[in-house]
Amino acid sequence: MSMATSEKQPRHHVTTVEPAATNEAWGRVRHVDELSEQALERFLSLLEGGTTVDTDADGELAPGDVIVFTEYYRITAS
């Protein structure tokens, strides 16, 4: 078994972004400027229309993450 195969992260179907309360315990917090172009497009799509997108292998939109934009938004998954 190769190392690359054993290190793959599971894919999740991200279904929503929701405002995150500032008094919650947070996981990873990322500023919107830190996202890749593709992750930013997926984030904005979720924010605007609530569509479902897949997270990518590098986990830029991992469930539980908080993205700082005009507010703090938590990424959730189904």
Protein backbone atom coordinates (compact mmCIF):
# COMPACT_ATOMS: atom_id res chain seq x y z
CA MET A 1 0.00 0.00 0.00
CA SER A 2 1.48 3.33 -1.00
CA MET A 3 1.72 6.25 1.40
CA ALA A 4 -0.37 8.46 -0.92
CA THR A 5 -3.26 6.00 -0.85
CA SER A 6 -3.32 5.74 2.94
CA GLU A 7 -3.27 9.53 3.41
CA LYS A 8 -6.31 10.41 1.28
CA GLN A 9 -8.93 12.35 3.17
CA PRO A 10 -12.61 11.41 2.91
CA ARG A 11 -14.83 13.55 0.72
CA HIS A 12 -17.89 15.17 2.23
CA HIS A 13 -20.95 16.71 0.68
CA VAL A 14 -21.06 20.23 2.02
CA THR A 15 -24.66 21.37 2.14
CA THR A 16 -24.65 24.69 3.95
CA VAL A 17 -22.67 27.52 5.34
CA GLU A 18 -24.27 29.12 8.35
CA PRO A 19 -23.35 32.05 10.55
CA ALA A 20 -21.16 30.89 13.43
CA ALA A 21 -21.64 32.32 16.90
CA THR A 22 -18.50 33.96 18.23
CA ASN A 23 -18.84 32.19 21.58
CA GLU A 24 -18.74 28.67 20.05
CA ALA A 25 -15.75 26.38 20.15
CA TRP A 26 -14.30 26.45 16.65
CA GLY A 27 -12.10 24.11 14.70
CA ARG A 28 -9.92 25.54 11.97
CA VAL A 29 -10.59 29.21 11.17
CA ARG A 30 -9.61 30.48 7.72
CA HIS A 31 -9.97 33.89 6.18
CA VAL A 32 -11.71 33.96 2.79
CA ASP A 33 -8.48 35.34 1.25
CA GLU A 34 -6.68 32.12 2.19
CA LEU A 35 -8.94 29.93 0.02
CA SER A 36 -7.89 28.77 -3.41
CA GLU A 37 -9.86 30.12 -6.36
CA GLN A 38 -11.84 26.87 -6.62
CA ALA A 39 -12.63 26.74 -2.90
CA LEU A 40 -13.68 30.41 -2.95
CA GLU A 41 -16.07 29.71 -5.84
CA ARG A 42 -17.58 26.75 -3.93
CA PHE A 43 -17.90 28.82 -0.75
CA LEU A 44 -19.62 31.71 -2.54
CA SER A 45 -21.93 29.27 -4.32
CA LEU A 46 -22.96 27.81 -0.97
CA LEU A 47 -23.38 31.24 0.55
CA GLU A 48 -25.53 32.55 -2.29
CA GLY A 49 -27.65 29.59 -3.18
CA GLY A 50 -27.24 26.81 -0.69
CA THR A 51 -26.25 24.32 -3.38
CA THR A 52 -24.41 21.13 -2.49
CA VAL A 53 -20.72 20.86 -3.35
CA ASP A 54 -18.05 18.28 -2.62
CA THR A 55 -15.06 19.19 -0.55
CA ASP A 56 -11.79 18.53 -2.27
CA ALA A 57 -9.03 16.16 -1.23
CA ASP A 58 -7.02 18.87 0.51
CA GLY A 59 -9.96 19.73 2.77
CA GLU A 60 -10.21 23.45 2.07
CA LEU A 61 -13.93 23.36 2.92
CA ALA A 62 -13.92 20.75 5.64
CA PRO A 63 -17.00 20.33 7.83
CA GLY A 64 -16.66 22.27 11.08
CA ASP A 65 -14.30 24.86 9.61
CA VAL A 66 -15.14 28.52 10.02
CA ILE A 67 -14.58 30.90 7.12
CA VAL A 68 -14.17 34.59 7.91
CA PHE A 69 -15.91 36.72 5.28
CA THR A 70 -18.47 39.45 6.05
CA GLU A 71 -19.33 37.31 9.08
CA TYR A 72 -17.99 34.07 10.51
CA TYR A 73 -19.47 31.11 8.58
CA ARG A 74 -19.33 27.47 9.68
CA ILE A 75 -19.08 24.77 6.99
CA THR A 76 -21.53 21.91 7.59
CA ALA A 77 -21.88 18.55 5.87
CA SER A 78 -24.44 15.88 5.26
